[in-house]
């Protein structure tokens, strides 16, 4: 199956860049802080790859999320996928289908509310 194309609105792109820059900047920090930031970056990146390959991948635990509006069609669903699990403030990826076929829009990458 052909992978989905990920679309990055400015907010989501900034959030991903922030996670990346914290991981890059953490190399001078203490070992536990550095490994936490690098680990978060790896987990988010892996979840995004899984999302592009198969939004229904069991590891993502994808499910509808009703507190965010769909940016293109109010009648369509927004979904939440896990980037982390069993972690305080675990990161989630909020996404929706569209615009267009085989496109996923990453709405936000944030710690669990």
PDB file of N, CA and C in Angstrom:
ATOM      1  N   UNK A   1       0.837  -1.180   0.000  1.00  0.00           N
ATOM      2  CA  UNK A   1       0.000   0.000   0.000  1.00  0.00           C
ATOM      3  C   UNK A   1       0.883   1.245   0.000  1.00  0.00           C
ATOM      4  N   UNK A   2       0.511   2.196  -0.778  1.00  0.00           N
ATOM      5  CA  UNK A   2       1.247   3.449  -0.886  1.00  0.00           C
ATOM      6  C   UNK A   2       1.069   4.269   0.397  1.00  0.00           C
ATOM      7  N   UNK A   3       2.165   4.849   0.938  1.00  0.00           N
ATOM      8  CA  UNK A   3       2.036   5.623   2.177  1.00  0.00           C
ATOM      9  C   UNK A   3       1.261   6.931   1.974  1.00  0.00           C
ATOM     10  N   UNK A   4       0.723   7.433   3.064  1.00  0.00           N
ATOM     11  CA  UNK A   4       0.042   8.720   3.049  1.00  0.00           C
ATOM     12  C   UNK A   4       1.082   9.836   3.036  1.00  0.00           C
ATOM     13  N   UNK A   5       0.699  10.953   2.465  1.00  0.00           N
ATOM     14  CA  UNK A   5       1.546  12.141   2.493  1.00  0.00           C
ATOM     15  C   UNK A   5       1.162  12.940   3.737  1.00  0.00           C
ATOM     16  N   UNK A   6       2.166  13.329   4.540  1.00  0.00           N
ATOM     17  CA  UNK A   6       1.888  14.137   5.717  1.00  0.00           C
ATOM     18  C   UNK A   6       1.955  15.617   5.353  1.00  0.00           C
ATOM     19  N   UNK A   7       0.943  16.344   5.754  1.00  0.00           N
ATOM     20  CA  UNK A   7       0.859  17.784   5.520  1.00  0.00           C
ATOM     21  C   UNK A   7       1.072  18.479   6.854  1.00  0.00           C
ATOM     22  N   UNK A   8       1.879  19.518   6.863  1.00  0.00           N
ATOM     23  CA  UNK A   8       2.286  20.193   8.082  1.00  0.00           C
ATOM     24  C   UNK A   8       1.832  21.652   8.101  1.00  0.00           C
ATOM     25  N   UNK A   9       0.721  21.972   8.742  1.00  0.00           N
ATOM     26  CA  UNK A   9       0.385  23.376   8.950  1.00  0.00           C
ATOM     27  C   UNK A   9       1.456  24.017   9.858  1.00  0.00           C
ATOM     28  N   UNK A  10       1.561  25.337   9.872  1.00  0.00           N
ATOM     29  CA  UNK A  10       2.629  25.998  10.634  1.00  0.00           C
ATOM     30  C   UNK A  10       2.713  25.582  12.107  1.00  0.00           C
ATOM     31  N   UNK A  11       1.582  25.482  12.788  1.00  0.00           N
ATOM     32  CA  UNK A  11       1.616  25.134  14.214  1.00  0.00           C
ATOM     33  C   UNK A  11       2.266  23.774  14.446  1.00  0.00           C
ATOM     34  N   UNK A  12       1.857  22.777  13.696  1.00  0.00           N
ATOM     35  CA  UNK A  12       2.404  21.430  13.863  1.00  0.00           C
ATOM     36  C   UNK A  12       3.887  21.394  13.493  1.00  0.00           C
ATOM     37  N   UNK A  13       4.260  22.091  12.436  1.00  0.00           N
ATOM     38  CA  UNK A  13       5.662  22.139  12.032  1.00  0.00           C
ATOM     39  C   UNK A  13       6.519  22.779  13.122  1.00  0.00           C
ATOM     40  N   UNK A  14       6.017  23.837  13.746  1.00  0.00           N
ATOM     41  CA  UNK A  14       6.751  24.494  14.829  1.00  0.00           C
ATOM     42  C   UNK A  14       6.896  23.569  16.035  1.00  0.00           C
ATOM     43  N   UNK A  15       5.850  22.837  16.360  1.00  0.00           N
ATOM     44  CA  UNK A  15       5.908  21.916  17.488  1.00  0.00           C
ATOM     45  C   UNK A  15       6.941  20.816  17.241  1.00  0.00           C
ATOM     46  N   UNK A  16       6.972  20.286  16.022  1.00  0.00           N
ATOM     47  CA  UNK A  16       7.945  19.246  15.692  1.00  0.00           C
ATOM     48  C   UNK A  16       9.365  19.811  15.730  1.00  0.00           C
ATOM     49  N   UNK A  17       9.551  21.006  15.195  1.00  0.00           N
ATOM     50  CA  UNK A  17      10.866  21.652  15.211  1.00  0.00           C
ATOM     51  C   UNK A  17      11.334  21.910  16.643  1.00  0.00           C
ATOM     52  N   UNK A  18      10.411  22.263  17.532  1.00  0.00           N
ATOM     53  CA  UNK A  18      10.756  22.492  18.932  1.00  0.00           C
ATOM     54  C   UNK A  18      11.243  21.200  19.582  1.00  0.00           C
ATOM     55  N   UNK A  19      10.571  20.097  19.301  1.00  0.00           N
ATOM     56  CA  UNK A  19      10.988  18.799  19.833  1.00  0.00           C
ATOM     57  C   UNK A  19      12.366  18.435  19.297  1.00  0.00           C
ATOM     58  N   UNK A  20      12.591  18.679  18.002  1.00  0.00           N
ATOM     59  CA  UNK A  20      13.891  18.406  17.377  1.00  0.00           C
ATOM     60  C   UNK A  20      14.985  19.266  17.995  1.00  0.00           C
ATOM     61  N   UNK A  21      14.740  20.565  18.158  1.00  0.00           N
ATOM     62  CA  UNK A  21      15.776  21.446  18.691  1.00  0.00           C
ATOM     63  C   UNK A  21      16.104  21.109  20.147  1.00  0.00           C
ATOM     64  N   UNK A  22      15.089  20.700  20.934  1.00  0.00           N
ATOM     65  CA  UNK A  22      15.363  20.284  22.315  1.00  0.00           C
ATOM     66  C   UNK A  22      16.216  19.027  22.339  1.00  0.00           C
ATOM     67  N   UNK A  23      15.972  18.119  21.421  1.00  0.00           N
ATOM     68  CA  UNK A  23      16.775  16.891  21.357  1.00  0.00           C
ATOM     69  C   UNK A  23      18.212  17.220  20.964  1.00  0.00           C
ATOM     70  N   UNK A  24      18.391  18.110  19.984  1.00  0.00           N
ATOM     71  CA  UNK A  24      19.741  18.510  19.570  1.00  0.00           C
ATOM     72  C   UNK A  24      20.458  19.272  20.668  1.00  0.00           C
ATOM     73  N   UNK A  25      19.731  20.142  21.374  1.00  0.00           N
ATOM     74  CA  UNK A  25      20.333  20.964  22.410  1.00  0.00           C
ATOM     75  C   UNK A  25      20.551  20.248  23.720  1.00  0.00           C
ATOM     76  N   UNK A  26      20.029  19.070  23.870  1.00  0.00           N
ATOM     77  CA  UNK A  26      20.119  18.365  25.146  1.00  0.00           C
ATOM     78  C   UNK A  26      21.421  17.600  25.324  1.00  0.00           C
ATOM     79  N   UNK A  27      22.264  17.584  24.321  1.00  0.00           N
ATOM     80  CA  UNK A  27      23.488  16.794  24.436  1.00  0.00           C
ATOM     81  C   UNK A  27      24.414  17.337  25.523  1.00  0.00           C
ATOM     82  N   UNK A  28      24.329  18.628  25.846  1.00  0.00           N
ATOM     83  CA  UNK A  28      25.143  19.189  26.919  1.00  0.00           C
ATOM     84  C   UNK A  28      24.479  19.084  28.276  1.00  0.00           C
ATOM     85  N   UNK A  29      23.247  18.659  28.318  1.00  0.00           N
ATOM     86  CA  UNK A  29      22.520  18.525  29.581  1.00  0.00           C
ATOM     87  C   UNK A  29      22.940  17.238  30.288  1.00  0.00           C
ATOM     88  N   UNK A  30      22.421  17.055  31.476  1.00  0.00           N
ATOM     89  CA  UNK A  30      22.702  15.828  32.216  1.00  0.00           C
ATOM     90  C   UNK A  30      22.208  14.618  31.453  1.00  0.00           C
ATOM     91  N   UNK A  31      22.755  13.450  31.743  1.00  0.00           N
ATOM     92  CA  UNK A  31      22.405  12.241  30.973  1.00  0.00           C
ATOM     93  C   UNK A  31      20.914  11.918  30.947  1.00  0.00           C
ATOM     94  N   UNK A  32      20.232  12.047  32.068  1.00  0.00           N
ATOM     95  CA  UNK A  32      18.819  11.667  32.059  1.00  0.00           C
ATOM     96  C   UNK A  32      17.977  12.648  31.260  1.00  0.00           C
ATOM     97  N   UNK A  33      18.277  13.952  31.366  1.00  0.00           N
ATOM     98  CA  UNK A  33      17.522  14.947  30.606  1.00  0.00           C
ATOM     99  C   UNK A  33      17.783  14.783  29.112  1.00  0.00           C
ATOM    100  N   UNK A  34      19.051  14.553  28.753  1.00  0.00           N
ATOM    101  CA  UNK A  34      19.400  14.379  27.342  1.00  0.00           C
ATOM    102  C   UNK A  34      18.680  13.165  26.770  1.00  0.00           C
ATOM    103  N   UNK A  35      18.710  12.063  27.486  1.00  0.00           N
ATOM    104  CA  UNK A  35      18.092  10.856  26.952  1.00  0.00           C
ATOM    105  C   UNK A  35      16.578  11.019  26.850  1.00  0.00           C
ATOM    106  N   UNK A  36      15.973  11.786  27.768  1.00  0.00           N
ATOM    107  CA  UNK A  36      14.532  12.017  27.721  1.00  0.00           C
ATOM    108  C   UNK A  36      14.145  12.804  26.460  1.00  0.00           C
ATOM    109  N   UNK A  37      14.887  13.863  26.156  1.00  0.00           N
ATOM    110  CA  UNK A  37      14.577  14.694  24.991  1.00  0.00           C
ATOM    111  C   UNK A  37      14.843  13.946  23.685  1.00  0.00           C
ATOM    112  N   UNK A  38      15.938  13.230  23.636  1.00  0.00           N
ATOM    113  CA  UNK A  38      16.258  12.439  22.438  1.00  0.00           C
ATOM    114  C   UNK A  38      15.233  11.318  22.274  1.00  0.00           C
ATOM    115  N   UNK A  39      14.860  10.680  23.378  1.00  0.00           N
ATOM    116  CA  UNK A  39      13.857   9.616  23.332  1.00  0.00           C
ATOM    117  C   UNK A  39      12.519  10.129  22.834  1.00  0.00           C
ATOM    118  N   UNK A  40      12.114  11.312  23.304  1.00  0.00           N
ATOM    119  CA  UNK A  40      10.855  11.912  22.844  1.00  0.00           C
ATOM    120  C   UNK A  40      10.901  12.146  21.338  1.00  0.00           C
ATOM    121  N   UNK A  41      12.001  12.698  20.850  1.00  0.00           N
ATOM    122  CA  UNK A  41      12.130  12.948  19.410  1.00  0.00           C
ATOM    123  C   UNK A  41      12.018  11.640  18.624  1.00  0.00           C
ATOM    124  N   UNK A  42      12.694  10.601  19.082  1.00  0.00           N
ATOM    125  CA  UNK A  42      12.640   9.311  18.390  1.00  0.00           C
ATOM    126  C   UNK A  42      11.233   8.728  18.404  1.00  0.00           C
ATOM    127  N   UNK A  43      10.548   8.838  19.542  1.00  0.00           N
ATOM    128  CA  UNK A  43       9.196   8.293  19.652  1.00  0.00           C
ATOM    129  C   UNK A  43       8.217   9.036  18.752  1.00  0.00           C
ATOM    130  N   UNK A  44       8.315  10.358  18.714  1.00  0.00           N
ATOM    131  CA  UNK A  44       7.417  11.153  17.863  1.00  0.00           C
ATOM    132  C   UNK A  44       7.703  10.856  16.396  1.00  0.00           C
ATOM    133  N   UNK A  45       8.974  10.783  16.032  1.00  0.00           N
ATOM    134  CA  UNK A  45       9.338  10.488  14.647  1.00  0.00           C
ATOM    135  C   UNK A  45       8.841   9.104  14.226  1.00  0.00           C
ATOM    136  N   UNK A  46       8.991   8.120  15.104  1.00  0.00           N
ATOM    137  CA  UNK A  46       8.506   6.776  14.797  1.00  0.00           C
ATOM    138  C   UNK A  46       6.993   6.778  14.618  1.00  0.00           C
ATOM    139  N   UNK A  47       6.280   7.468  15.502  1.00  0.00           N
ATOM    140  CA  UNK A  47       4.817   7.519  15.399  1.00  0.00           C
ATOM    141  C   UNK A  47       4.391   8.180  14.094  1.00  0.00           C
ATOM    142  N   UNK A  48       5.095   9.221  13.667  1.00  0.00           N
ATOM    143  CA  UNK A  48       4.768   9.886  12.401  1.00  0.00           C
ATOM    144  C   UNK A  48       5.004   8.958  11.214  1.00  0.00           C
ATOM    145  N   UNK A  49       6.062   8.164  11.263  1.00  0.00           N
ATOM    146  CA  UNK A  49       6.326   7.199  10.193  1.00  0.00           C
ATOM    147  C   UNK A  49       5.233   6.140  10.143  1.00  0.00           C
ATOM    148  N   UNK A  50       4.828   5.655  11.325  1.00  0.00           N
ATOM    149  CA  UNK A  50       3.743   4.671  11.378  1.00  0.00           C
ATOM    150  C   UNK A  50       2.447   5.279  10.854  1.00  0.00           C
ATOM    151  N   UNK A  51       2.188   6.528  11.212  1.00  0.00           N
ATOM    152  CA  UNK A  51       0.979   7.214  10.769  1.00  0.00           C
ATOM    153  C   UNK A  51       0.949   7.329   9.250  1.00  0.00           C
ATOM    154  N   UNK A  52       2.074   7.671   8.652  1.00  0.00           N
ATOM    155  CA  UNK A  52       2.141   7.791   7.195  1.00  0.00           C
ATOM    156  C   UNK A  52       1.967   6.428   6.519  1.00  0.00           C
ATOM    157  N   UNK A  53       2.488   5.387   7.134  1.00  0.00           N
ATOM    158  CA  UNK A  53       2.396   4.051   6.545  1.00  0.00           C
ATOM    159  C   UNK A  53       1.009   3.439   6.729  1.00  0.00           C
ATOM    160  N   UNK A  54       0.433   3.619   7.940  1.00  0.00           N
ATOM    161  CA  UNK A  54      -0.847   2.992   8.247  1.00  0.00           C
ATOM    162  C   UNK A  54      -1.477   3.697   9.447  1.00  0.00           C
ATOM    163  N   UNK A  55      -2.412   4.618   9.226  1.00  0.00           N
ATOM    164  CA  UNK A  55      -3.016   5.340  10.349  1.00  0.00           C
ATOM    165  C   UNK A  55      -3.726   4.431  11.354  1.00  0.00           C
ATOM    166  N   UNK A  56      -4.020   3.200  10.971  1.00  0.00           N
ATOM    167  CA  UNK A  56      -4.685   2.259  11.878  1.00  0.00           C
ATOM    168  C   UNK A  56      -3.714   1.302  12.556  1.00  0.00           C
ATOM    169  N   UNK A  57      -2.431   1.600  12.482  1.00  0.00           N
ATOM    170  CA  UNK A  57      -1.436   0.725  13.114  1.00  0.00           C
ATOM    171  C   UNK A  57      -1.778   0.573  14.597  1.00  0.00           C
ATOM    172  N   UNK A  58      -1.790  -0.655  15.122  1.00  0.00           N
ATOM    173  CA  UNK A  58      -2.199  -0.874  16.514  1.00  0.00           C
ATOM    174  C   UNK A  58      -1.376  -0.103  17.542  1.00  0.00           C
ATOM    175  N   UNK A  59      -0.093   0.122  17.269  1.00  0.00           N
ATOM    176  CA  UNK A  59       0.764   0.834  18.212  1.00  0.00           C
ATOM    177  C   UNK A  59       0.399   2.300  18.383  1.00  0.00           C
ATOM    178  N   UNK A  60      -0.292   2.859  17.410  1.00  0.00           N
ATOM    179  CA  UNK A  60      -0.693   4.263  17.496  1.00  0.00           C
ATOM    180  C   UNK A  60      -1.928   4.467  18.368  1.00  0.00           C
ATOM    181  N   UNK A  61      -2.699   3.402  18.530  1.00  0.00           N
ATOM    182  CA  UNK A  61      -3.957   3.479  19.293  1.00  0.00           C
ATOM    183  C   UNK A  61      -4.823   4.649  18.823  1.00  0.00           C
ATOM    184  N   UNK A  62      -4.934   4.795  17.544  1.00  0.00           N
ATOM    185  CA  UNK A  62      -5.693   5.891  16.943  1.00  0.00           C
ATOM    186  C   UNK A  62      -7.170   5.792  17.297  1.00  0.00           C
ATOM    187  N   UNK A  63      -7.744   6.927  17.680  1.00  0.00           N
ATOM    188  CA  UNK A  63      -9.176   6.996  17.958  1.00  0.00           C
ATOM    189  C   UNK A  63      -9.676   8.415  17.703  1.00  0.00           C
ATOM    190  N   UNK A  64     -10.960   8.572  17.444  1.00  0.00           N
ATOM    191  CA  UNK A  64     -11.515   9.913  17.191  1.00  0.00           C
ATOM    192  C   UNK A  64     -11.351  10.813  18.415  1.00  0.00           C
ATOM    193  N   UNK A  65     -11.158  12.090  18.150  1.00  0.00           N
ATOM    194  CA  UNK A  65     -10.998  13.090  19.202  1.00  0.00           C
ATOM    195  C   UNK A  65     -11.958  14.222  18.886  1.00  0.00           C
ATOM    196  N   UNK A  66     -12.886  14.484  19.787  1.00  0.00           N
ATOM    197  CA  UNK A  66     -13.976  15.406  19.464  1.00  0.00           C
ATOM    198  C   UNK A  66     -13.750  16.854  19.896  1.00  0.00           C
ATOM    199  N   UNK A  67     -12.682  17.141  20.617  1.00  0.00           N
ATOM    200  CA  UNK A  67     -12.484  18.503  21.125  1.00  0.00           C
ATOM    201  C   UNK A  67     -11.812  19.451  20.132  1.00  0.00           C
ATOM    202  N   UNK A  68     -11.376  18.943  19.008  1.00  0.00           N
ATOM    203  CA  UNK A  68     -10.770  19.799  17.978  1.00  0.00           C
ATOM    204  C   UNK A  68     -11.625  19.769  16.724  1.00  0.00           C
ATOM    205  N   UNK A  69     -11.830  20.919  16.094  1.00  0.00           N
ATOM    206  CA  UNK A  69     -12.601  20.922  14.848  1.00  0.00           C
ATOM    207  C   UNK A  69     -11.739  20.473  13.665  1.00  0.00           C
ATOM    208  N   UNK A  70     -12.355  19.820  12.733  1.00  0.00           N
ATOM    209  CA  UNK A  70     -11.677  19.425  11.499  1.00  0.00           C
ATOM    210  C   UNK A  70     -11.419  20.700  10.696  1.00  0.00           C
ATOM    211  N   UNK A  71     -10.198  20.938  10.246  1.00  0.00           N
ATOM    212  CA  UNK A  71      -9.890  22.204   9.565  1.00  0.00           C
ATOM    213  C   UNK A  71     -10.482  22.341   8.156  1.00  0.00           C
ATOM    214  N   UNK A  72     -10.916  21.252   7.541  1.00  0.00           N
ATOM    215  CA  UNK A  72     -11.398  21.326   6.168  1.00  0.00           C
ATOM    216  C   UNK A  72     -12.883  21.029   6.020  1.00  0.00           C
ATOM    217  N   UNK A  73     -13.417  20.161   6.898  1.00  0.00           N
ATOM    218  CA  UNK A  73     -14.811  19.740   6.769  1.00  0.00           C
ATOM    219  C   UNK A  73     -15.367  19.459   8.157  1.00  0.00           C
ATOM    220  N   UNK A  74     -16.264  20.307   8.625  1.00  0.00           N
ATOM    221  CA  UNK A  74     -16.783  20.179   9.996  1.00  0.00           C
ATOM    222  C   UNK A  74     -17.498  18.860  10.252  1.00  0.00           C
ATOM    223  N   UNK A  75     -17.877  18.154   9.203  1.00  0.00           N
ATOM    224  CA  UNK A  75     -18.563  16.877   9.366  1.00  0.00           C
ATOM    225  C   UNK A  75     -17.608  15.680   9.462  1.00  0.00           C
ATOM    226  N   UNK A  76     -16.326  15.925   9.253  1.00  0.00           N
ATOM    227  CA  UNK A  76     -15.330  14.853   9.325  1.00  0.00           C
ATOM    228  C   UNK A  76     -14.695  14.803  10.716  1.00  0.00           C
ATOM    229  N   UNK A  77     -14.014  13.707  11.009  1.00  0.00           N
ATOM    230  CA  UNK A  77     -13.428  13.490  12.332  1.00  0.00           C
ATOM    231  C   UNK A  77     -11.965  13.910  12.397  1.00  0.00           C
ATOM    232  N   UNK A  78     -11.564  14.332  13.591  1.00  0.00           N
ATOM    233  CA  UNK A  78     -10.164  14.530  13.940  1.00  0.00           C
ATOM    234  C   UNK A  78      -9.785  13.326  14.794  1.00  0.00           C
ATOM    235  N   UNK A  79      -8.545  12.866  14.660  1.00  0.00           N
ATOM    236  CA  UNK A  79      -8.091  11.680  15.372  1.00  0.00           C
ATOM    237  C   UNK A  79      -6.913  12.004  16.282  1.00  0.00           C
ATOM    238  N   UNK A  80      -6.769  11.171  17.295  1.00  0.00           N
ATOM    239  CA  UNK A  80      -5.642  11.254  18.223  1.00  0.00           C
ATOM    240  C   UNK A  80      -4.856   9.960  18.097  1.00  0.00           C
ATOM    241  N   UNK A  81      -3.530  10.075  17.982  1.00  0.00           N
ATOM    242  CA  UNK A  81      -2.656   8.905  17.932  1.00  0.00           C
ATOM    243  C   UNK A  81      -1.599   9.057  19.019  1.00  0.00           C
ATOM    244  N   UNK A  82      -1.196   7.959  19.590  1.00  0.00           N
ATOM    245  CA  UNK A  82      -0.210   7.977  20.660  1.00  0.00           C
ATOM    246  C   UNK A  82       1.203   8.023  20.084  1.00  0.00           C
ATOM    247  N   UNK A  83       2.010   8.948  20.573  1.00  0.00           N
ATOM    248  CA  UNK A  83       3.442   8.925  20.300  1.00  0.00           C
ATOM    249  C   UNK A  83       4.151   8.285  21.492  1.00  0.00           C
ATOM    250  N   UNK A  84       3.543   8.446  22.681  1.00  0.00           N
ATOM    251  CA  UNK A  84       4.048   7.841  23.910  1.00  0.00           C
ATOM    252  C   UNK A  84       2.871   7.233  24.661  1.00  0.00           C
ATOM    253  N   UNK A  85       3.191   6.336  25.566  1.00  0.00           N
ATOM    254  CA  UNK A  85       2.160   5.712  26.386  1.00  0.00           C
ATOM    255  C   UNK A  85       2.747   5.445  27.766  1.00  0.00           C
ATOM    256  N   UNK A  86       1.904   5.474  28.786  1.00  0.00           N
ATOM    257  CA  UNK A  86       2.310   5.184  30.160  1.00  0.00           C
ATOM    258  C   UNK A  86       3.460   6.082  30.611  1.00  0.00           C
ATOM    259  N   UNK A  87       3.376   7.347  30.254  1.00  0.00           N
ATOM    260  CA  UNK A  87       4.365   8.351  30.618  1.00  0.00           C
ATOM    261  C   UNK A  87       3.617   9.591  31.072  1.00  0.00           C
ATOM    262  N   UNK A  88       3.998  10.206  32.187  1.00  0.00           N
ATOM    263  CA  UNK A  88       3.325  11.447  32.565  1.00  0.00           C
ATOM    264  C   UNK A  88       3.481  12.496  31.457  1.00  0.00           C
ATOM    265  N   UNK A  89       2.388  13.110  31.048  1.00  0.00           N
ATOM    266  CA  UNK A  89       2.427  14.097  29.968  1.00  0.00           C
ATOM    267  C   UNK A  89       2.777  13.480  28.630  1.00  0.00           C
ATOM    268  N   UNK A  90       2.352  12.240  28.404  1.00  0.00           N
ATOM    269  CA  UNK A  90       2.673  11.523  27.171  1.00  0.00           C
ATOM    270  C   UNK A  90       2.240  12.331  25.942  1.00  0.00           C
ATOM    271  N   UNK A  91       3.065  12.331  24.923  1.00  0.00           N
ATOM    272  CA  UNK A  91       2.781  13.103  23.717  1.00  0.00           C
ATOM    273  C   UNK A  91       1.769  12.401  22.823  1.00  0.00           C
ATOM    274  N   UNK A  92       0.933  13.212  22.206  1.00  0.00           N
ATOM    275  CA  UNK A  92      -0.091  12.752  21.277  1.00  0.00           C
ATOM    276  C   UNK A  92       0.035  13.522  19.968  1.00  0.00           C
ATOM    277  N   UNK A  93      -0.395  12.879  18.899  1.00  0.00           N
ATOM    278  CA  UNK A  93      -0.436  13.503  17.578  1.00  0.00           C
ATOM    279  C   UNK A  93      -1.902  13.609  17.182  1.00  0.00           C
ATOM    280  N   UNK A  94      -2.357  14.813  16.912  1.00  0.00           N
ATOM    281  CA  UNK A  94      -3.728  15.046  16.471  1.00  0.00           C
ATOM    282  C   UNK A  94      -3.685  15.274  14.963  1.00  0.00           C
ATOM    283  N   UNK A  95      -4.550  14.557  14.258  1.00  0.00           N
ATOM    284  CA  UNK A  95      -4.487  14.588  12.797  1.00  0.00           C
ATOM    285  C   UNK A  95      -5.869  14.374  12.202  1.00  0.00           C
ATOM    286  N   UNK A  96      -5.939  14.635  10.893  1.00  0.00           N
ATOM    287  CA  UNK A  96      -7.182  14.403  10.156  1.00  0.00           C
ATOM    288  C   UNK A  96      -6.836  14.025   8.719  1.00  0.00           C
ATOM    289  N   UNK A  97      -7.796  13.479   8.025  1.00  0.00           N
ATOM    290  CA  UNK A  97      -7.626  13.167   6.608  1.00  0.00           C
ATOM    291  C   UNK A  97      -7.849  14.436   5.798  1.00  0.00           C
ATOM    292  N   UNK A  98      -7.060  14.597   4.750  1.00  0.00           N
ATOM    293  CA  UNK A  98      -7.279  15.701   3.826  1.00  0.00           C
ATOM    294  C   UNK A  98      -6.209  16.764   3.932  1.00  0.00           C
ATOM    295  N   UNK A  99      -6.218  17.742   3.085  1.00  0.00           N
ATOM    296  CA  UNK A  99      -7.114  17.842   1.943  1.00  0.00           C
ATOM    297  C   UNK A  99      -6.611  16.940   0.819  1.00  0.00           C
ATOM    298  N   UNK A 100      -7.497  16.317   0.159  1.00  0.00           N
ATOM    299  CA  UNK A 100      -7.146  15.435  -0.950  1.00  0.00           C
ATOM    300  C   UNK A 100      -6.955  13.996  -0.505  1.00  0.00           C
ATOM    301  N   UNK A 101      -6.874  13.143  -1.488  1.00  0.00           N
ATOM    302  CA  UNK A 101      -6.735  11.708  -1.250  1.00  0.00           C
ATOM    303  C   UNK A 101      -5.340  11.374  -0.738  1.00  0.00           C
ATOM    304  N   UNK A 102      -5.272  10.391   0.161  1.00  0.00           N
ATOM    305  CA  UNK A 102      -4.018   9.871   0.715  1.00  0.00           C
ATOM    306  C   UNK A 102      -3.160  10.959   1.343  1.00  0.00           C
ATOM    307  N   UNK A 103      -3.808  11.960   1.918  1.00  0.00           N
ATOM    308  CA  UNK A 103      -3.112  13.033   2.627  1.00  0.00           C
ATOM    309  C   UNK A 103      -3.605  13.072   4.068  1.00  0.00           C
ATOM    310  N   UNK A 104      -2.666  13.180   4.979  1.00  0.00           N
ATOM    311  CA  UNK A 104      -2.974  13.336   6.396  1.00  0.00           C
ATOM    312  C   UNK A 104      -2.413  14.675   6.839  1.00  0.00           C
ATOM    313  N   UNK A 105      -3.250  15.477   7.480  1.00  0.00           N
ATOM    314  CA  UNK A 105      -2.809  16.751   8.033  1.00  0.00           C
ATOM    315  C   UNK A 105      -2.518  16.556   9.515  1.00  0.00           C
ATOM    316  N   UNK A 106      -1.290  16.839   9.899  1.00  0.00           N
ATOM    317  CA  UNK A 106      -0.899  16.791  11.299  1.00  0.00           C
ATOM    318  C   UNK A 106      -1.326  18.124  11.915  1.00  0.00           C
ATOM    319  N   UNK A 107      -2.319  18.087  12.789  1.00  0.00           N
ATOM    320  CA  UNK A 107      -2.873  19.312  13.372  1.00  0.00           C
ATOM    321  C   UNK A 107      -2.005  19.799  14.525  1.00  0.00           C
ATOM    322  N   UNK A 108      -1.573  18.878  15.378  1.00  0.00           N
ATOM    323  CA  UNK A 108      -0.779  19.252  16.545  1.00  0.00           C
ATOM    324  C   UNK A 108      -0.022  18.051  17.085  1.00  0.00           C
ATOM    325  N   UNK A 109       1.114  18.342  17.735  1.00  0.00           N
ATOM    326  CA  UNK A 109       1.884  17.335  18.467  1.00  0.00           C
ATOM    327  C   UNK A 109       2.076  17.920  19.853  1.00  0.00           C
ATOM    328  N   UNK A 110       1.365  17.387  20.821  1.00  0.00           N
ATOM    329  CA  UNK A 110       1.375  17.991  22.155  1.00  0.00           C
ATOM    330  C   UNK A 110       1.363  16.944  23.253  1.00  0.00           C
ATOM    331  N   UNK A 111       1.757  17.361  24.472  1.00  0.00           N
ATOM    332  CA  UNK A 111       1.581  16.459  25.612  1.00  0.00           C
ATOM    333  C   UNK A 111       0.108  16.226  25.846  1.00  0.00           C
ATOM    334  N   UNK A 112      -0.224  15.072  26.368  1.00  0.00           N
ATOM    335  CA  UNK A 112      -1.625  14.744  26.631  1.00  0.00           C
ATOM    336  C   UNK A 112      -2.226  15.770  27.574  1.00  0.00           C
ATOM    337  N   UNK A 113      -3.407  16.292  27.206  1.00  0.00           N
ATOM    338  CA  UNK A 113      -4.032  17.323  28.043  1.00  0.00           C
ATOM    339  C   UNK A 113      -4.411  16.830  29.429  1.00  0.00           C
TER     340      UNK A 113
END
